[in-house]
Amino acid sequence: MNPAVDTRTPPVDQVAAMDGEAFFTRLDALLDDNPPRPEDTEMMKQLSDIGIGSSLPWRSRPQEVRDALDRAARTGMDVLSEIAEEAEGSPKNG
């Protein structure tokens, strides 16, 4: 087991604590080892237009793109939290 991996904090809490830089840098690293499926080609093309999936260093992206990705990371977690609160029943698998 990799000692650098936090196995105590639930993954959802780890992701919620990430800013845009942490989230999208991690996403890029994960895409290196977990290539998208062929049916995701169109989405990956769209994401590559803003540097996602290219392992482009965060600081190499234009400031307006970094700002937008920061907002996207926060907004995404807010939306997911709202959906989870509205869901009926108890959570399963986090």
C-alpha atoms as a PDB file:
ATOM      1  CA  MET A   1       0.000   0.000   0.000  1.00  0.00           C
ATOM      2  CA  ASN A   2       1.227   3.474  -0.881  1.00  0.00           C
ATOM      3  CA  PRO A   3       1.843   5.388   2.386  1.00  0.00           C
ATOM      4  CA  ALA A   4       1.119   8.672   0.601  1.00  0.00           C
ATOM      5  CA  VAL A   5      -2.495   7.612   0.020  1.00  0.00           C
ATOM      6  CA  ASP A   6      -4.959   8.785   2.670  1.00  0.00           C
ATOM      7  CA  THR A   7      -6.987   5.709   3.575  1.00  0.00           C
ATOM      8  CA  ARG A   8      -8.626   7.254   6.642  1.00  0.00           C
ATOM      9  CA  THR A   9     -10.549  10.144   5.092  1.00  0.00           C
ATOM     10  CA  PRO A  10     -13.572   9.062   3.036  1.00  0.00           C
ATOM     11  CA  PRO A  11     -12.967   9.698  -0.683  1.00  0.00           C
ATOM     12  CA  VAL A  12     -15.984  12.006  -0.949  1.00  0.00           C
ATOM     13  CA  ASP A  13     -14.484  14.223   1.776  1.00  0.00           C
ATOM     14  CA  GLN A  14     -11.093  14.196   0.076  1.00  0.00           C
ATOM     15  CA  VAL A  15     -12.642  15.333  -3.214  1.00  0.00           C
ATOM     16  CA  ALA A  16     -14.796  17.960  -1.482  1.00  0.00           C
ATOM     17  CA  ALA A  17     -11.654  19.493   0.025  1.00  0.00           C
ATOM     18  CA  MET A  18      -9.903  19.842  -3.346  1.00  0.00           C
ATOM     19  CA  ASP A  19      -9.637  23.117  -5.200  1.00  0.00           C
ATOM     20  CA  GLY A  20      -9.615  23.179  -8.992  1.00  0.00           C
ATOM     21  CA  GLU A  21      -5.871  22.739  -9.215  1.00  0.00           C
ATOM     22  CA  ALA A  22      -5.834  19.672  -6.969  1.00  0.00           C
ATOM     23  CA  PHE A  23      -8.884  18.102  -8.603  1.00  0.00           C
ATOM     24  CA  PHE A  24      -7.882  18.583 -12.232  1.00  0.00           C
ATOM     25  CA  THR A  25      -4.210  17.769 -11.627  1.00  0.00           C
ATOM     26  CA  ARG A  26      -5.324  14.513 -10.009  1.00  0.00           C
ATOM     27  CA  LEU A  27      -7.745  13.857 -12.867  1.00  0.00           C
ATOM     28  CA  ASP A  28      -4.932  14.276 -15.388  1.00  0.00           C
ATOM     29  CA  ALA A  29      -2.745  11.833 -13.427  1.00  0.00           C
ATOM     30  CA  LEU A  30      -5.566   9.304 -13.210  1.00  0.00           C
ATOM     31  CA  LEU A  31      -6.234   9.571 -16.947  1.00  0.00           C
ATOM     32  CA  ASP A  32      -2.601   8.630 -17.598  1.00  0.00           C
ATOM     33  CA  ASP A  33      -3.145   5.254 -15.919  1.00  0.00           C
ATOM     34  CA  ASN A  34      -6.837   4.853 -16.772  1.00  0.00           C
ATOM     35  CA  PRO A  35      -7.386   5.813 -20.407  1.00  0.00           C
ATOM     36  CA  PRO A  36     -10.922   6.759 -21.403  1.00  0.00           C
ATOM     37  CA  ARG A  37     -13.104   4.312 -23.280  1.00  0.00           C
ATOM     38  CA  PRO A  38     -13.598   4.786 -27.033  1.00  0.00           C
ATOM     39  CA  GLU A  39     -17.152   6.065 -26.490  1.00  0.00           C
ATOM     40  CA  ASP A  40     -15.692   8.953 -24.459  1.00  0.00           C
ATOM     41  CA  THR A  41     -13.671  10.271 -27.399  1.00  0.00           C
ATOM     42  CA  GLU A  42     -15.926  13.262 -28.068  1.00  0.00           C
ATOM     43  CA  MET A  43     -15.981  14.321 -24.397  1.00  0.00           C
ATOM     44  CA  MET A  44     -12.197  13.930 -24.140  1.00  0.00           C
ATOM     45  CA  LYS A  45     -11.787  16.121 -27.226  1.00  0.00           C
ATOM     46  CA  GLN A  46     -13.851  18.825 -25.553  1.00  0.00           C
ATOM     47  CA  LEU A  47     -11.874  18.500 -22.331  1.00  0.00           C
ATOM     48  CA  SER A  48      -8.567  18.612 -24.189  1.00  0.00           C
ATOM     49  CA  ASP A  49      -9.566  22.029 -25.545  1.00  0.00           C
ATOM     50  CA  ILE A  50      -9.059  23.357 -21.997  1.00  0.00           C
ATOM     51  CA  GLY A  51      -6.006  21.221 -21.267  1.00  0.00           C
ATOM     52  CA  ILE A  52      -7.639  18.359 -19.379  1.00  0.00           C
ATOM     53  CA  GLY A  53      -6.212  14.958 -20.190  1.00  0.00           C
ATOM     54  CA  SER A  54      -3.019  16.428 -21.576  1.00  0.00           C
ATOM     55  CA  SER A  55      -1.006  16.441 -18.317  1.00  0.00           C
ATOM     56  CA  LEU A  56      -0.489  20.156 -18.984  1.00  0.00           C
ATOM     57  CA  PRO A  57       0.906  21.712 -15.800  1.00  0.00           C
ATOM     58  CA  TRP A  58      -1.702  23.789 -13.965  1.00  0.00           C
ATOM     59  CA  ARG A  59       0.317  27.015 -14.187  1.00  0.00           C
ATOM     60  CA  SER A  60       0.677  26.569 -17.967  1.00  0.00           C
ATOM     61  CA  ARG A  61      -3.057  27.053 -18.439  1.00  0.00           C
ATOM     62  CA  PRO A  62      -4.345  30.584 -19.007  1.00  0.00           C
ATOM     63  CA  GLN A  63      -5.529  32.299 -15.807  1.00  0.00           C
ATOM     64  CA  GLU A  64      -9.112  32.512 -17.091  1.00  0.00           C
ATOM     65  CA  VAL A  65      -9.130  28.728 -17.629  1.00  0.00           C
ATOM     66  CA  ARG A  66      -7.715  28.112 -14.130  1.00  0.00           C
ATOM     67  CA  ASP A  67     -10.350  30.407 -12.623  1.00  0.00           C
ATOM     68  CA  ALA A  68     -13.127  28.613 -14.518  1.00  0.00           C
ATOM     69  CA  LEU A  69     -11.839  25.191 -13.449  1.00  0.00           C
ATOM     70  CA  ASP A  70     -11.704  26.354  -9.817  1.00  0.00           C
ATOM     71  CA  ARG A  71     -15.340  27.437 -10.070  1.00  0.00           C
ATOM     72  CA  ALA A  72     -16.257  24.164 -11.814  1.00  0.00           C
ATOM     73  CA  ALA A  73     -14.718  22.072  -9.025  1.00  0.00           C
ATOM     74  CA  ARG A  74     -16.668  23.970  -6.343  1.00  0.00           C
ATOM     75  CA  THR A  75     -19.910  24.037  -8.318  1.00  0.00           C
ATOM     76  CA  GLY A  76     -19.663  20.342  -9.144  1.00  0.00           C
ATOM     77  CA  MET A  77     -19.374  19.362  -5.498  1.00  0.00           C
ATOM     78  CA  ASP A  78     -22.254  21.701  -4.571  1.00  0.00           C
ATOM     79  CA  VAL A  79     -24.486  20.137  -7.229  1.00  0.00           C
ATOM     80  CA  LEU A  80     -23.579  16.603  -6.164  1.00  0.00           C
ATOM     81  CA  SER A  81     -24.289  17.477  -2.522  1.00  0.00           C
ATOM     82  CA  GLU A  82     -27.711  18.866  -3.433  1.00  0.00           C
ATOM     83  CA  ILE A  83     -28.552  15.752  -5.435  1.00  0.00           C
ATOM     84  CA  ALA A  84     -27.460  13.503  -2.570  1.00  0.00           C
ATOM     85  CA  GLU A  85     -29.621  15.451  -0.115  1.00  0.00           C
ATOM     86  CA  GLU A  86     -32.658  15.148  -2.389  1.00  0.00           C
ATOM     87  CA  ALA A  87     -32.184  11.416  -2.990  1.00  0.00           C
ATOM     88  CA  GLU A  88     -34.529   9.111  -1.190  1.00  0.00           C
ATOM     89  CA  GLY A  89     -33.266   6.319   0.994  1.00  0.00           C
ATOM     90  CA  SER A  90     -29.937   5.911   2.678  1.00  0.00           C
ATOM     91  CA  PRO A  91     -26.600   6.381   0.975  1.00  0.00           C
ATOM     92  CA  LYS A  92     -24.894   3.254  -0.311  1.00  0.00           C
ATOM     93  CA  ASN A  93     -21.141   3.056  -0.833  1.00  0.00           C
ATOM     94  CA  GLY A  94     -20.691   6.702   0.157  1.00  0.00           C
END
